[in-house]
Amino acid sequence: RELVAAITSGSTNYADSVKGRFTISRDNAKKTVYLQMNSLKPEDTAVY
């Protein structure tokens, strides 16, 4: 299992393999985190 992306109140981190393609965000009111994945590649296939 590998880290894809993480978000705190003021910063984000991404794996090198997804930088520029994935975006992590959060809605604090809904207690929800999102991962927008664009330009998907076959090597992105996994259980998230």
ModelCIF file with pLDDT and N, C-alpha, C, O atoms, coordinates in Angstrom:
data_MODEL
#
_entry.id   MODEL 
#
_entity.id                         1 
_entity.type                       polymer 
_entity.pdbx_number_of_molecules   1 
#
_entity_poly.entity_id                      1 
_entity_poly.type                           'polypeptide(L)' 
_entity_poly.nstd_linkage                   no 
_entity_poly.nstd_monomer                   no 
_entity_poly.pdbx_seq_one_letter_code       RELVAAITSGSTNYADSVKGRFTISRDNAKKTVYLQMNSLKPEDTAVY 
_entity_poly.pdbx_seq_one_letter_code_can   RELVAAITSGSTNYADSVKGRFTISRDNAKKTVYLQMNSLKPEDTAVY 
_entity_poly.pdbx_strand_id                 A 
#
loop_
_entity_poly_seq.entity_id 
_entity_poly_seq.num 
_entity_poly_seq.mon_id 
_entity_poly_seq.hetero 
1 1  ARG n 
1 2  GLU n 
1 3  LEU n 
1 4  VAL n 
1 5  ALA n 
1 6  ALA n 
1 7  ILE n 
1 8  THR n 
1 9  SER n 
1 10 GLY n 
1 11 SER n 
1 12 THR n 
1 13 ASN n 
1 14 TYR n 
1 15 ALA n 
1 16 ASP n 
1 17 SER n 
1 18 VAL n 
1 19 LYS n 
1 20 GLY n 
1 21 ARG n 
1 22 PHE n 
1 23 THR n 
1 24 ILE n 
1 25 SER n 
1 26 ARG n 
1 27 ASP n 
1 28 ASN n 
1 29 ALA n 
1 30 LYS n 
1 31 LYS n 
1 32 THR n 
1 33 VAL n 
1 34 TYR n 
1 35 LEU n 
1 36 GLN n 
1 37 MET n 
1 38 ASN n 
1 39 SER n 
1 40 LEU n 
1 41 LYS n 
1 42 PRO n 
1 43 GLU n 
1 44 ASP n 
1 45 THR n 
1 46 ALA n 
1 47 VAL n 
1 48 TYR n 
#
_struct_asym.id          A 
_struct_asym.entity_id   1 
#
loop_
_ma_qa_metric.id 
_ma_qa_metric.mode 
_ma_qa_metric.name 
_ma_qa_metric.software_group_id 
_ma_qa_metric.type 
1 global pLDDT . pLDDT 
2 local  pLDDT . pLDDT 
#
_ma_qa_metric_global.metric_id      1 
_ma_qa_metric_global.metric_value   96.44 
_ma_qa_metric_global.model_id       1 
_ma_qa_metric_global.ordinal_id     1 
#
loop_
_ma_qa_metric_local.label_asym_id 
_ma_qa_metric_local.label_comp_id 
_ma_qa_metric_local.label_seq_id 
_ma_qa_metric_local.metric_id 
_ma_qa_metric_local.metric_value 
_ma_qa_metric_local.model_id 
_ma_qa_metric_local.ordinal_id 
A ARG 1  2 96.00 1 1  
A GLU 2  2 97.00 1 2  
A LEU 3  2 97.00 1 3  
A VAL 4  2 98.00 1 4  
A ALA 5  2 98.00 1 5  
A ALA 6  2 98.00 1 6  
A ILE 7  2 97.00 1 7  
A THR 8  2 94.00 1 8  
A SER 9  2 87.00 1 9  
A GLY 10 2 85.00 1 10 
A SER 11 2 95.00 1 11 
A THR 12 2 97.00 1 12 
A ASN 13 2 97.00 1 13 
A TYR 14 2 98.00 1 14 
A ALA 15 2 98.00 1 15 
A ASP 16 2 98.00 1 16 
A SER 17 2 97.00 1 17 
A VAL 18 2 98.00 1 18 
A LYS 19 2 98.00 1 19 
A GLY 20 2 97.00 1 20 
A ARG 21 2 98.00 1 21 
A PHE 22 2 98.00 1 22 
A THR 23 2 98.00 1 23 
A ILE 24 2 98.00 1 24 
A SER 25 2 97.00 1 25 
A ARG 26 2 95.00 1 26 
A ASP 27 2 94.00 1 27 
A ASN 28 2 91.00 1 28 
A ALA 29 2 92.00 1 29 
A LYS 30 2 94.00 1 30 
A LYS 31 2 95.00 1 31 
A THR 32 2 96.00 1 32 
A VAL 33 2 96.00 1 33 
A TYR 34 2 97.00 1 34 
A LEU 35 2 98.00 1 35 
A GLN 36 2 98.00 1 36 
A MET 37 2 98.00 1 37 
A ASN 38 2 98.00 1 38 
A SER 39 2 98.00 1 39 
A LEU 40 2 98.00 1 40 
A LYS 41 2 98.00 1 41 
A PRO 42 2 97.00 1 42 
A GLU 43 2 97.00 1 43 
A ASP 44 2 98.00 1 44 
A THR 45 2 98.00 1 45 
A ALA 46 2 98.00 1 46 
A VAL 47 2 98.00 1 47 
A TYR 48 2 98.00 1 48 
#
loop_
_atom_site.group_PDB 
_atom_site.id 
_atom_site.type_symbol 
_atom_site.label_atom_id 
_atom_site.label_alt_id 
_atom_site.label_comp_id 
_atom_site.label_asym_id 
_atom_site.label_entity_id 
_atom_site.label_seq_id 
_atom_site.pdbx_PDB_ins_code 
_atom_site.Cartn_x 
_atom_site.Cartn_y 
_atom_site.Cartn_z 
_atom_site.occupancy 
_atom_site.B_iso_or_equiv 
_atom_site.pdbx_formal_charge 
_atom_site.auth_seq_id 
_atom_site.auth_comp_id 
_atom_site.auth_asym_id 
_atom_site.auth_atom_id 
_atom_site.pdbx_PDB_model_num 
ATOM 1   N N  . ARG A 1 1  ? 0.838   -1.184 0.000   1.00 96.00 ? 1  ARG A N  1 
ATOM 2   C CA . ARG A 1 1  ? 0.000   0.000  0.000   1.00 96.00 ? 1  ARG A CA 1 
ATOM 3   C C  . ARG A 1 1  ? 0.882   1.247  0.000   1.00 96.00 ? 1  ARG A C  1 
ATOM 4   O O  . ARG A 1 1  ? 1.848   1.336  0.758   1.00 96.00 ? 1  ARG A O  1 
ATOM 5   N N  . GLU A 1 2  ? 0.543   2.194  -0.847  1.00 97.00 ? 2  GLU A N  1 
ATOM 6   C CA . GLU A 1 2  ? 1.343   3.396  -0.980  1.00 97.00 ? 2  GLU A CA 1 
ATOM 7   C C  . GLU A 1 2  ? 0.484   4.639  -0.830  1.00 97.00 ? 2  GLU A C  1 
ATOM 8   O O  . GLU A 1 2  ? -0.700  4.648  -1.164  1.00 97.00 ? 2  GLU A O  1 
ATOM 9   N N  . LEU A 1 3  ? 1.103   5.672  -0.326  1.00 97.00 ? 3  LEU A N  1 
ATOM 10  C CA . LEU A 1 3  ? 0.425   6.953  -0.199  1.00 97.00 ? 3  LEU A CA 1 
ATOM 11  C C  . LEU A 1 3  ? 0.269   7.588  -1.568  1.00 97.00 ? 3  LEU A C  1 
ATOM 12  O O  . LEU A 1 3  ? 1.226   7.679  -2.336  1.00 97.00 ? 3  LEU A O  1 
ATOM 13  N N  . VAL A 1 4  ? -0.938  8.023  -1.863  1.00 98.00 ? 4  VAL A N  1 
ATOM 14  C CA . VAL A 1 4  ? -1.224  8.730  -3.103  1.00 98.00 ? 4  VAL A CA 1 
ATOM 15  C C  . VAL A 1 4  ? -1.240  10.229 -2.869  1.00 98.00 ? 4  VAL A C  1 
ATOM 16  O O  . VAL A 1 4  ? -0.570  10.981 -3.576  1.00 98.00 ? 4  VAL A O  1 
ATOM 17  N N  . ALA A 1 5  ? -1.997  10.659 -1.884  1.00 98.00 ? 5  ALA A N  1 
ATOM 18  C CA . ALA A 1 5  ? -2.127  12.074 -1.586  1.00 98.00 ? 5  ALA A CA 1 
ATOM 19  C C  . ALA A 1 5  ? -2.642  12.242 -0.176  1.00 98.00 ? 5  ALA A C  1 
ATOM 20  O O  . ALA A 1 5  ? -3.359  11.385 0.341   1.00 98.00 ? 5  ALA A O  1 
ATOM 21  N N  . ALA A 1 6  ? -2.277  13.342 0.442   1.00 98.00 ? 6  ALA A N  1 
ATOM 22  C CA . ALA A 1 6  ? -2.743  13.656 1.783   1.00 98.00 ? 6  ALA A CA 1 
ATOM 23  C C  . ALA A 1 6  ? -2.957  15.152 1.894   1.00 98.00 ? 6  ALA A C  1 
ATOM 24  O O  . ALA A 1 6  ? -2.331  15.940 1.184   1.00 98.00 ? 6  ALA A O  1 
ATOM 25  N N  . ILE A 1 7  ? -3.847  15.531 2.791   1.00 97.00 ? 7  ILE A N  1 
ATOM 26  C CA . ILE A 1 7  ? -4.159  16.939 2.968   1.00 97.00 ? 7  ILE A CA 1 
ATOM 27  C C  . ILE A 1 7  ? -4.368  17.237 4.440   1.00 97.00 ? 7  ILE A C  1 
ATOM 28  O O  . ILE A 1 7  ? -5.068  16.512 5.147   1.00 97.00 ? 7  ILE A O  1 
ATOM 29  N N  . THR A 1 8  ? -3.757  18.306 4.880   1.00 94.00 ? 8  THR A N  1 
ATOM 30  C CA . THR A 1 8  ? -3.985  18.849 6.210   1.00 94.00 ? 8  THR A CA 1 
ATOM 31  C C  . THR A 1 8  ? -4.754  20.152 6.052   1.00 94.00 ? 8  THR A C  1 
ATOM 32  O O  . THR A 1 8  ? -5.294  20.435 4.983   1.00 94.00 ? 8  THR A O  1 
ATOM 33  N N  . SER A 1 9  ? -4.802  20.935 7.107   1.00 87.00 ? 9  SER A N  1 
ATOM 34  C CA . SER A 1 9  ? -5.522  22.199 7.022   1.00 87.00 ? 9  SER A CA 1 
ATOM 35  C C  . SER A 1 9  ? -4.849  23.189 6.083   1.00 87.00 ? 9  SER A C  1 
ATOM 36  O O  . SER A 1 9  ? -5.498  24.092 5.554   1.00 87.00 ? 9  SER A O  1 
ATOM 37  N N  . GLY A 1 10 ? -3.542  23.020 5.874   1.00 85.00 ? 10 GLY A N  1 
ATOM 38  C CA . GLY A 1 10 ? -2.834  24.012 5.098   1.00 85.00 ? 10 GLY A CA 1 
ATOM 39  C C  . GLY A 1 10 ? -1.878  23.511 4.037   1.00 85.00 ? 10 GLY A C  1 
ATOM 40  O O  . GLY A 1 10 ? -1.182  24.312 3.412   1.00 85.00 ? 10 GLY A O  1 
ATOM 41  N N  . SER A 1 11 ? -1.824  22.222 3.817   1.00 95.00 ? 11 SER A N  1 
ATOM 42  C CA . SER A 1 11 ? -0.864  21.708 2.853   1.00 95.00 ? 11 SER A CA 1 
ATOM 43  C C  . SER A 1 11 ? -1.356  20.409 2.244   1.00 95.00 ? 11 SER A C  1 
ATOM 44  O O  . SER A 1 11 ? -2.242  19.743 2.780   1.00 95.00 ? 11 SER A O  1 
ATOM 45  N N  . THR A 1 12 ? -0.764  20.069 1.119   1.00 97.00 ? 12 THR A N  1 
ATOM 46  C CA . THR A 1 12 ? -1.054  18.814 0.444   1.00 97.00 ? 12 THR A CA 1 
ATOM 47  C C  . THR A 1 12 ? 0.245   18.128 0.069   1.00 97.00 ? 12 THR A C  1 
ATOM 48  O O  . THR A 1 12 ? 1.275   18.777 -0.119  1.00 97.00 ? 12 THR A O  1 
ATOM 49  N N  . ASN A 1 13 ? 0.185   16.820 -0.035  1.00 97.00 ? 13 ASN A N  1 
ATOM 50  C CA . ASN A 1 13 ? 1.315   16.020 -0.475  1.00 97.00 ? 13 ASN A CA 1 
ATOM 51  C C  . ASN A 1 13 ? 0.829   15.025 -1.510  1.00 97.00 ? 13 ASN A C  1 
ATOM 52  O O  . ASN A 1 13 ? -0.277  14.493 -1.407  1.00 97.00 ? 13 ASN A O  1 
ATOM 53  N N  . TYR A 1 14 ? 1.660   14.779 -2.504  1.00 98.00 ? 14 TYR A N  1 
ATOM 54  C CA . TYR A 1 14 ? 1.316   13.855 -3.569  1.00 98.00 ? 14 TYR A CA 1 
ATOM 55  C C  . TYR A 1 14 ? 2.477   12.928 -3.853  1.00 98.00 ? 14 TYR A C  1 
ATOM 56  O O  . TYR A 1 14 ? 3.642   13.310 -3.745  1.00 98.00 ? 14 TYR A O  1 
ATOM 57  N N  . ALA A 1 15 ? 2.142   11.715 -4.214  1.00 98.00 ? 15 ALA A N  1 
ATOM 58  C CA . ALA A 1 15 ? 3.149   10.832 -4.755  1.00 98.00 ? 15 ALA A CA 1 
ATOM 59  C C  . ALA A 1 15 ? 3.643   11.378 -6.087  1.00 98.00 ? 15 ALA A C  1 
ATOM 60  O O  . ALA A 1 15 ? 2.878   11.979 -6.841  1.00 98.00 ? 15 ALA A O  1 
ATOM 61  N N  . ASP A 1 16 ? 4.917   11.169 -6.370  1.00 98.00 ? 16 ASP A N  1 
ATOM 62  C CA . ASP A 1 16 ? 5.476   11.683 -7.614  1.00 98.00 ? 16 ASP A CA 1 
ATOM 63  C C  . ASP A 1 16 ? 4.721   11.167 -8.839  1.00 98.00 ? 16 ASP A C  1 
ATOM 64  O O  . ASP A 1 16 ? 4.597   11.872 -9.840  1.00 98.00 ? 16 ASP A O  1 
ATOM 65  N N  . SER A 1 17 ? 4.227   9.959  -8.758  1.00 97.00 ? 17 SER A N  1 
ATOM 66  C CA . SER A 1 17 ? 3.576   9.345  -9.894  1.00 97.00 ? 17 SER A CA 1 
ATOM 67  C C  . SER A 1 17 ? 2.245   9.989  -10.262 1.00 97.00 ? 17 SER A C  1 
ATOM 68  O O  . SER A 1 17 ? 1.742   9.776  -11.365 1.00 97.00 ? 17 SER A O  1 
ATOM 69  N N  . VAL A 1 18 ? 1.666   10.773 -9.353  1.00 98.00 ? 18 VAL A N  1 
ATOM 70  C CA . VAL A 1 18 ? 0.357   11.366 -9.624  1.00 98.00 ? 18 VAL A CA 1 
ATOM 71  C C  . VAL A 1 18 ? 0.388   12.884 -9.663  1.00 98.00 ? 18 VAL A C  1 
ATOM 72  O O  . VAL A 1 18 ? -0.635  13.514 -9.934  1.00 98.00 ? 18 VAL A O  1 
ATOM 73  N N  . LYS A 1 19 ? 1.525   13.473 -9.403  1.00 98.00 ? 19 LYS A N  1 
ATOM 74  C CA . LYS A 1 19 ? 1.615   14.929 -9.420  1.00 98.00 ? 19 LYS A CA 1 
ATOM 75  C C  . LYS A 1 19 ? 1.226   15.478 -10.787 1.00 98.00 ? 19 LYS A C  1 
ATOM 76  O O  . LYS A 1 19 ? 1.653   14.974 -11.826 1.00 98.00 ? 19 LYS A O  1 
ATOM 77  N N  . GLY A 1 20 ? 0.415   16.511 -10.758 1.00 97.00 ? 20 GLY A N  1 
ATOM 78  C CA . GLY A 1 20 ? -0.055  17.117 -11.985 1.00 97.00 ? 20 GLY A CA 1 
ATOM 79  C C  . GLY A 1 20 ? -1.291  16.474 -12.558 1.00 97.00 ? 20 GLY A C  1 
ATOM 80  O O  . GLY A 1 20 ? -1.916  17.030 -13.461 1.00 97.00 ? 20 GLY A O  1 
ATOM 81  N N  . ARG A 1 21 ? -1.661  15.302 -12.049 1.00 98.00 ? 21 ARG A N  1 
ATOM 82  C CA . ARG A 1 21 ? -2.838  14.600 -12.554 1.00 98.00 ? 21 ARG A CA 1 
ATOM 83  C C  . ARG A 1 21 ? -3.937  14.480 -11.507 1.00 98.00 ? 21 ARG A C  1 
ATOM 84  O O  . ARG A 1 21 ? -5.120  14.551 -11.839 1.00 98.00 ? 21 ARG A O  1 
ATOM 85  N N  . PHE A 1 22 ? -3.559  14.302 -10.256 1.00 98.00 ? 22 PHE A N  1 
ATOM 86  C CA . PHE A 1 22 ? -4.524  14.119 -9.177  1.00 98.00 ? 22 PHE A CA 1 
ATOM 87  C C  . PHE A 1 22 ? -4.574  15.366 -8.311  1.00 98.00 ? 22 PHE A C  1 
ATOM 88  O O  . PHE A 1 22 ? -3.577  16.072 -8.157  1.00 98.00 ? 22 PHE A O  1 
ATOM 89  N N  . THR A 1 23 ? -5.738  15.625 -7.752  1.00 98.00 ? 23 THR A N  1 
ATOM 90  C CA . THR A 1 23 ? -5.919  16.739 -6.837  1.00 98.00 ? 23 THR A CA 1 
ATOM 91  C C  . THR A 1 23 ? -6.730  16.275 -5.639  1.00 98.00 ? 23 THR A C  1 
ATOM 92  O O  . THR A 1 23 ? -7.817  15.718 -5.791  1.00 98.00 ? 23 THR A O  1 
ATOM 93  N N  . ILE A 1 24 ? -6.199  16.505 -4.457  1.00 98.00 ? 24 ILE A N  1 
ATOM 94  C CA . ILE A 1 24 ? -6.911  16.165 -3.242  1.00 98.00 ? 24 ILE A CA 1 
ATOM 95  C C  . ILE A 1 24 ? -7.510  17.429 -2.649  1.00 98.00 ? 24 ILE A C  1 
ATOM 96  O O  . ILE A 1 24 ? -6.896  18.495 -2.686  1.00 98.00 ? 24 ILE A O  1 
ATOM 97  N N  . SER A 1 25 ? -8.703  17.303 -2.106  1.00 97.00 ? 25 SER A N  1 
ATOM 98  C CA . SER A 1 25 ? -9.373  18.428 -1.479  1.00 97.00 ? 25 SER A CA 1 
ATOM 99  C C  . SER A 1 25 ? -10.249 17.904 -0.351  1.00 97.00 ? 25 SER A C  1 
ATOM 100 O O  . SER A 1 25 ? -10.479 16.701 -0.234  1.00 97.00 ? 25 SER A O  1 
ATOM 101 N N  . ARG A 1 26 ? -10.728 18.816 0.469   1.00 95.00 ? 26 ARG A N  1 
ATOM 102 C CA . ARG A 1 26 ? -11.571 18.417 1.587   1.00 95.00 ? 26 ARG A CA 1 
ATOM 103 C C  . ARG A 1 26 ? -12.658 19.443 1.830   1.00 95.00 ? 26 ARG A C  1 
ATOM 104 O O  . ARG A 1 26 ? -12.477 20.636 1.588   1.00 95.00 ? 26 ARG A O  1 
ATOM 105 N N  . ASP A 1 27 ? -13.782 18.961 2.309   1.00 94.00 ? 27 ASP A N  1 
ATOM 106 C CA . ASP A 1 27 ? -14.895 19.790 2.717   1.00 94.00 ? 27 ASP A CA 1 
ATOM 107 C C  . ASP A 1 27 ? -15.071 19.552 4.205   1.00 94.00 ? 27 ASP A C  1 
ATOM 108 O O  . ASP A 1 27 ? -15.608 18.523 4.616   1.00 94.00 ? 27 ASP A O  1 
ATOM 109 N N  . ASN A 1 28 ? -14.626 20.486 5.000   1.00 91.00 ? 28 ASN A N  1 
ATOM 110 C CA . ASN A 1 28 ? -14.642 20.288 6.441   1.00 91.00 ? 28 ASN A CA 1 
ATOM 111 C C  . ASN A 1 28 ? -16.059 20.192 7.000   1.00 91.00 ? 28 ASN A C  1 
ATOM 112 O O  . ASN A 1 28 ? -16.308 19.425 7.931   1.00 91.00 ? 28 ASN A O  1 
ATOM 113 N N  . ALA A 1 29 ? -16.981 20.960 6.442   1.00 92.00 ? 29 ALA A N  1 
ATOM 114 C CA . ALA A 1 29 ? -18.352 20.916 6.919   1.00 92.00 ? 29 ALA A CA 1 
ATOM 115 C C  . ALA A 1 29 ? -18.973 19.544 6.702   1.00 92.00 ? 29 ALA A C  1 
ATOM 116 O O  . ALA A 1 29 ? -19.742 19.064 7.535   1.00 92.00 ? 29 ALA A O  1 
ATOM 117 N N  . LYS A 1 30 ? -18.640 18.920 5.590   1.00 94.00 ? 30 LYS A N  1 
ATOM 118 C CA . LYS A 1 30 ? -19.169 17.600 5.278   1.00 94.00 ? 30 LYS A CA 1 
ATOM 119 C C  . LYS A 1 30 ? -18.275 16.474 5.767   1.00 94.00 ? 30 LYS A C  1 
ATOM 120 O O  . LYS A 1 30 ? -18.617 15.300 5.623   1.00 94.00 ? 30 LYS A O  1 
ATOM 121 N N  . LYS A 1 31 ? -17.135 16.822 6.340   1.00 95.00 ? 31 LYS A N  1 
ATOM 122 C CA . LYS A 1 31 ? -16.166 15.821 6.793   1.00 95.00 ? 31 LYS A CA 1 
ATOM 123 C C  . LYS A 1 31 ? -15.851 14.843 5.671   1.00 95.00 ? 31 LYS A C  1 
ATOM 124 O O  . LYS A 1 31 ? -15.867 13.626 5.859   1.00 95.00 ? 31 LYS A O  1 
ATOM 125 N N  . THR A 1 32 ? -15.571 15.391 4.525   1.00 96.00 ? 32 THR A N  1 
ATOM 126 C CA . THR A 1 32 ? -15.367 14.593 3.332   1.00 96.00 ? 32 THR A CA 1 
ATOM 127 C C  . THR A 1 32 ? -14.072 14.997 2.634   1.00 96.00 ? 32 THR A C  1 
ATOM 128 O O  . THR A 1 32 ? -13.742 16.180 2.546   1.00 96.00 ? 32 THR A O  1 
ATOM 129 N N  . VAL A 1 33 ? -13.358 14.016 2.149   1.00 96.00 ? 33 VAL A N  1 
ATOM 130 C CA . VAL A 1 33 ? -12.166 14.244 1.365   1.00 96.00 ? 33 VAL A CA 1 
ATOM 131 C C  . VAL A 1 33 ? -12.400 13.689 -0.033  1.00 96.00 ? 33 VAL A C  1 
ATOM 132 O O  . VAL A 1 33 ? -13.055 12.661 -0.205  1.00 96.00 ? 33 VAL A O  1 
ATOM 133 N N  . TYR A 1 34 ? -11.860 14.380 -1.021  1.00 97.00 ? 34 TYR A N  1 
ATOM 134 C CA . TYR A 1 34 ? -12.041 14.008 -2.409  1.00 97.00 ? 34 TYR A CA 1 
ATOM 135 C C  . TYR A 1 34 ? -10.684 13.787 -3.065  1.00 97.00 ? 34 TYR A C  1 
ATOM 136 O O  . TYR A 1 34 ? -9.671  14.351 -2.653  1.00 97.00 ? 34 TYR A O  1 
ATOM 137 N N  . LEU A 1 35 ? -10.697 12.967 -4.076  1.00 98.00 ? 35 LEU A N  1 
ATOM 138 C CA . LEU A 1 35 ? -9.528  12.794 -4.915  1.00 98.00 ? 35 LEU A CA 1 
ATOM 139 C C  . LEU A 1 35 ? -9.977  12.866 -6.363  1.00 98.00 ? 35 LEU A C  1 
ATOM 140 O O  . LEU A 1 35 ? -10.594 11.937 -6.884  1.00 98.00 ? 35 LEU A O  1 
ATOM 141 N N  . GLN A 1 36 ? -9.661  13.970 -6.999  1.00 98.00 ? 36 GLN A N  1 
ATOM 142 C CA . GLN A 1 36 ? -9.951  14.136 -8.415  1.00 98.00 ? 36 GLN A CA 1 
ATOM 143 C C  . GLN A 1 36 ? -8.798  13.548 -9.208  1.00 98.00 ? 36 GLN A C  1 
ATOM 144 O O  . GLN A 1 36 ? -7.655  13.985 -9.071  1.00 98.00 ? 36 GLN A O  1 
ATOM 145 N N  . MET A 1 37 ? -9.092  12.573 -10.022 1.00 98.00 ? 37 MET A N  1 
ATOM 146 C CA . MET A 1 37 ? -8.075  11.860 -10.779 1.00 98.00 ? 37 MET A CA 1 
ATOM 147 C C  . MET A 1 37 ? -8.304  12.104 -12.262 1.00 98.00 ? 37 MET A C  1 
ATOM 148 O O  . MET A 1 37 ? -9.318  11.688 -12.823 1.00 98.00 ? 37 MET A O  1 
ATOM 149 N N  . ASN A 1 38 ? -7.367  12.770 -12.877 1.00 98.00 ? 38 ASN A N  1 
ATOM 150 C CA . ASN A 1 38 ? -7.420  13.056 -14.296 1.00 98.00 ? 38 ASN A CA 1 
ATOM 151 C C  . ASN A 1 38 ? -6.279  12.351 -15.013 1.00 98.00 ? 38 ASN A C  1 
ATOM 152 O O  . ASN A 1 38 ? -5.307  11.913 -14.398 1.00 98.00 ? 38 ASN A O  1 
ATOM 153 N N  . SER A 1 39 ? -6.422  12.255 -16.315 1.00 98.00 ? 39 SER A N  1 
ATOM 154 C CA . SER A 1 39 ? -5.390  11.628 -17.147 1.00 98.00 ? 39 SER A CA 1 
ATOM 155 C C  . SER A 1 39 ? -4.975  10.276 -16.588 1.00 98.00 ? 39 SER A C  1 
ATOM 156 O O  . SER A 1 39 ? -3.787  9.986  -16.448 1.00 98.00 ? 39 SER A O  1 
ATOM 157 N N  . LEU A 1 40 ? -5.946  9.475  -16.279 1.00 98.00 ? 40 LEU A N  1 
ATOM 158 C CA . LEU A 1 40 ? -5.667  8.190  -15.645 1.00 98.00 ? 40 LEU A CA 1 
ATOM 159 C C  . LEU A 1 40 ? -4.890  7.264  -16.570 1.00 98.00 ? 40 LEU A C  1 
ATOM 160 O O  . LEU A 1 40 ? -5.070  7.258  -17.788 1.00 98.00 ? 40 LEU A O  1 
ATOM 161 N N  . LYS A 1 41 ? -4.032  6.493  -15.949 1.00 98.00 ? 41 LYS A N  1 
ATOM 162 C CA . LYS A 1 41 ? -3.184  5.543  -16.647 1.00 98.00 ? 41 LYS A CA 1 
ATOM 163 C C  . LYS A 1 41 ? -3.464  4.140  -16.139 1.00 98.00 ? 41 LYS A C  1 
ATOM 164 O O  . LYS A 1 41 ? -3.938  3.980  -15.015 1.00 98.00 ? 41 LYS A O  1 
ATOM 165 N N  . PRO A 1 42 ? -3.183  3.122  -16.937 1.00 97.00 ? 42 PRO A N  1 
ATOM 166 C CA . PRO A 1 42 ? -3.393  1.754  -16.458 1.00 97.00 ? 42 PRO A CA 1 
ATOM 167 C C  . PRO A 1 42 ? -2.655  1.457  -15.159 1.00 97.00 ? 42 PRO A C  1 
ATOM 168 O O  . PRO A 1 42 ? -3.150  0.683  -14.340 1.00 97.00 ? 42 PRO A O  1 
ATOM 169 N N  . GLU A 1 43 ? -1.502  2.043  -14.955 1.00 97.00 ? 43 GLU A N  1 
ATOM 170 C CA . GLU A 1 43 ? -0.763  1.808  -13.731 1.00 97.00 ? 43 GLU A CA 1 
ATOM 171 C C  . GLU A 1 43 ? -1.410  2.430  -12.503 1.00 97.00 ? 43 GLU A C  1 
ATOM 172 O O  . GLU A 1 43 ? -0.961  2.190  -11.382 1.00 97.00 ? 43 GLU A O  1 
ATOM 173 N N  . ASP A 1 44 ? -2.452  3.221  -12.696 1.00 98.00 ? 44 ASP A N  1 
ATOM 174 C CA . ASP A 1 44 ? -3.224  3.734  -11.574 1.00 98.00 ? 44 ASP A CA 1 
ATOM 175 C C  . ASP A 1 44 ? -4.212  2.708  -11.044 1.00 98.00 ? 44 ASP A C  1 
ATOM 176 O O  . ASP A 1 44 ? -4.826  2.924  -9.999  1.00 98.00 ? 44 ASP A O  1 
ATOM 177 N N  . THR A 1 45 ? -4.372  1.610  -11.738 1.00 98.00 ? 45 THR A N  1 
ATOM 178 C CA . THR A 1 45 ? -5.311  0.579  -11.319 1.00 98.00 ? 45 THR A CA 1 
ATOM 179 C C  . THR A 1 45 ? -4.920  0.033  -9.953  1.00 98.00 ? 45 THR A C  1 
ATOM 180 O O  . THR A 1 45 ? -3.795  -0.427 -9.755  1.00 98.00 ? 45 THR A O  1 
ATOM 181 N N  . ALA A 1 46 ? -5.852  0.087  -9.020  1.00 98.00 ? 46 ALA A N  1 
ATOM 182 C CA . ALA A 1 46 ? -5.599  -0.349 -7.655  1.00 98.00 ? 46 ALA A CA 1 
ATOM 183 C C  . ALA A 1 46 ? -6.879  -0.203 -6.852  1.00 98.00 ? 46 ALA A C  1 
ATOM 184 O O  . ALA A 1 46 ? -7.866  0.367  -7.318  1.00 98.00 ? 46 ALA A O  1 
ATOM 185 N N  . VAL A 1 47 ? -6.843  -0.724 -5.647  1.00 98.00 ? 47 VAL A N  1 
ATOM 186 C CA . VAL A 1 47 ? -7.869  -0.412 -4.671  1.00 98.00 ? 47 VAL A CA 1 
ATOM 187 C C  . VAL A 1 47 ? -7.411  0.822  -3.915  1.00 98.00 ? 47 VAL A C  1 
ATOM 188 O O  . VAL A 1 47 ? -6.302  0.859  -3.383  1.00 98.00 ? 47 VAL A O  1 
ATOM 189 N N  . TYR A 1 48 ? -8.257  1.814  -3.871  1.00 98.00 ? 48 TYR A N  1 
ATOM 190 C CA . TYR A 1 48 ? -7.938  3.069  -3.219  1.00 98.00 ? 48 TYR A CA 1 
ATOM 191 C C  . TYR A 1 48 ? -8.613  3.127  -1.857  1.00 98.00 ? 48 TYR A C  1 
ATOM 192 O O  . TYR A 1 48 ? -8.469  4.115  -1.137  1.00 98.00 ? 48 TYR A O  1 
#
